[in-house]
C-alpha atoms as a PDB file:
ATOM      1  CA  MET A   1      99.770  68.762 127.584  1.00  0.00           C
ATOM      2  CA  ARG A   2      99.719  65.784 129.901  1.00  0.00           C
ATOM      3  CA  VAL A   3     103.031  64.424 131.125  1.00  0.00           C
ATOM      4  CA  LYS A   4     103.469  60.678 131.645  1.00  0.00           C
ATOM      5  CA  ALA A   5     104.017  59.360 135.136  1.00  0.00           C
ATOM      6  CA  SER A   6     107.359  57.854 134.138  1.00  0.00           C
ATOM      7  CA  THR A   7     108.618  61.268 133.002  1.00  0.00           C
ATOM      8  CA  CYS A   8     107.438  62.830 136.264  1.00  0.00           C
ATOM      9  CA  ARG A   9     109.217  60.185 138.318  1.00  0.00           C
ATOM     10  CA  GLU A  10     112.421  60.645 136.294  1.00  0.00           C
ATOM     11  CA  GLN A  11     112.338  64.388 136.880  1.00  0.00           C
ATOM     12  CA  GLU A  12     111.518  63.887 140.555  1.00  0.00           C
ATOM     13  CA  ALA A  13     114.562  61.598 140.931  1.00  0.00           C
ATOM     14  CA  ARG A  14     116.784  64.071 139.087  1.00  0.00           C
ATOM     15  CA  GLN A  15     115.676  66.929 141.329  1.00  0.00           C
ATOM     16  CA  LEU A  16     116.098  64.813 144.472  1.00  0.00           C
ATOM     17  CA  ASP A  17     119.659  64.076 143.377  1.00  0.00           C
ATOM     18  CA  LEU A  18     120.314  67.790 142.876  1.00  0.00           C
ATOM     19  CA  ALA A  19     118.712  68.574 146.236  1.00  0.00           C
ATOM     20  CA  ALA A  20     121.095  66.161 147.923  1.00  0.00           C
ATOM     21  CA  ASN A  21     124.274  66.889 146.000  1.00  0.00           C
ATOM     22  CA  ASP A  22     124.332  70.430 144.620  1.00  0.00           C
ATOM     23  CA  PRO A  23     127.085  72.506 146.219  1.00  0.00           C
ATOM     24  CA  LEU A  24     124.879  75.605 146.568  1.00  0.00           C
ATOM     25  CA  LEU A  25     122.248  75.719 149.301  1.00  0.00           C
ATOM     26  CA  SER A  26     119.902  77.909 147.256  1.00  0.00           C
ATOM     27  CA  ARG A  27     119.914  75.425 144.364  1.00  0.00           C
ATOM     28  CA  ARG A  28     119.360  72.524 146.765  1.00  0.00           C
ATOM     29  CA  LYS A  29     116.268  74.298 148.113  1.00  0.00           C
ATOM     30  CA  VAL A  30     114.910  74.950 144.619  1.00  0.00           C
ATOM     31  CA  ALA A  31     115.594  71.352 143.596  1.00  0.00           C
ATOM     32  CA  ALA A  32     113.817  70.031 146.697  1.00  0.00           C
ATOM     33  CA  ALA A  33     110.750  72.129 145.886  1.00  0.00           C
ATOM     34  CA  ALA A  34     110.878  70.983 142.261  1.00  0.00           C
ATOM     35  CA  ALA A  35     111.139  67.342 143.346  1.00  0.00           C
ATOM     36  CA  LYS A  36     108.058  67.746 145.516  1.00  0.00           C
ATOM     37  CA  ALA A  37     106.114  69.300 142.614  1.00  0.00           C
ATOM     38  CA  TRP A  38     107.183  66.511 140.231  1.00  0.00           C
ATOM     39  CA  GLY A  39     106.104  63.942 142.809  1.00  0.00           C
ATOM     40  CA  ILE A  40     102.652  65.493 143.096  1.00  0.00           C
ATOM     41  CA  GLU A  41     102.317  65.613 139.314  1.00  0.00           C
ATOM     42  CA  ALA A  42     103.437  61.968 139.114  1.00  0.00           C
ATOM     43  CA  ILE A  43     100.616  60.949 141.445  1.00  0.00           C
ATOM     44  CA  GLN A  44      98.097  62.758 139.247  1.00  0.00           C
ATOM     45  CA  ALA A  45      99.574  61.204 136.097  1.00  0.00           C
ATOM     46  CA  GLU A  46      99.431  57.732 137.637  1.00  0.00           C
ATOM     47  CA  LYS A  47      95.750  58.254 138.428  1.00  0.00           C
ATOM     48  CA  ARG A  48      95.046  59.423 134.864  1.00  0.00           C
ATOM     49  CA  GLU A  49      96.943  56.489 133.405  1.00  0.00           C
ATOM     50  CA  ALA A  50      94.990  54.104 135.641  1.00  0.00           C
ATOM     51  CA  GLY A  51      91.754  55.426 134.155  1.00  0.00           C
ATOM     52  CA  HIS A  52      90.705  57.747 136.967  1.00  0.00           C
ATOM     53  CA  GLU A  53      89.048  60.845 135.592  1.00  0.00           C
ATOM     54  CA  SER A  54      89.382  63.922 137.749  1.00  0.00           C
ATOM     55  CA  PRO A  55      86.616  66.532 138.102  1.00  0.00           C
ATOM     56  CA  ARG A  56      88.944  68.975 136.353  1.00  0.00           C
ATOM     57  CA  ASP A  57      89.191  66.659 133.336  1.00  0.00           C
ATOM     58  CA  LYS A  58      85.395  66.409 133.202  1.00  0.00           C
ATOM     59  CA  LEU A  59      85.057  70.194 133.422  1.00  0.00           C
ATOM     60  CA  ASP A  60      87.661  70.702 130.691  1.00  0.00           C
ATOM     61  CA  ALA A  61      85.780  68.289 128.425  1.00  0.00           C
ATOM     62  CA  GLU A  62      82.479  70.076 129.077  1.00  0.00           C
ATOM     63  CA  ILE A  63      83.988  73.493 128.319  1.00  0.00           C
ATOM     64  CA  THR A  64      85.547  72.158 125.118  1.00  0.00           C
ATOM     65  CA  ARG A  65      82.200  70.694 124.053  1.00  0.00           C
ATOM     66  CA  GLU A  66      80.415  73.999 124.732  1.00  0.00           C
ATOM     67  CA  PHE A  67      82.941  75.935 122.652  1.00  0.00           C
ATOM     68  CA  ALA A  68      82.563  73.450 119.792  1.00  0.00           C
ATOM     69  CA  GLU A  69      78.774  73.773 119.905  1.00  0.00           C
ATOM     70  CA  GLU A  70      78.995  77.584 119.909  1.00  0.00           C
ATOM     71  CA  ASP A  71      81.408  77.479 116.970  1.00  0.00           C
ATOM     72  CA  GLN A  72      79.049  75.215 115.016  1.00  0.00           C
ATOM     73  CA  ALA A  73      76.121  77.542 115.754  1.00  0.00           C
ATOM     74  CA  ASP A  74      78.141  80.553 114.592  1.00  0.00           C
ATOM     75  CA  GLN A  75      79.082  78.758 111.379  1.00  0.00           C
ATOM     76  CA  ARG A  76      75.415  77.902 110.681  1.00  0.00           C
ATOM     77  CA  GLU A  77      74.393  81.527 111.222  1.00  0.00           C
ATOM     78  CA  GLY A  78      77.064  82.686 108.783  1.00  0.00           C
ATOM     79  CA  GLU A  79      75.825  80.455 105.970  1.00  0.00           C
END
């Protein structure tokens, strides 16, 4: 499932707030790492939403197409 850039940015902001304000050091560290991950995902989502197609997206589409073709061939053989 693809997450929208706006959702990623909201989560990034939430985690940054926790990283700055949580009373426990361990939770601040986890929140900082989570904020960084959400920020990276936001960048990828922004690229997708702008119409940029990543090599991974192309590969996923090719694999999906191959599975569909194999499934169709199997169905024809079973007829």
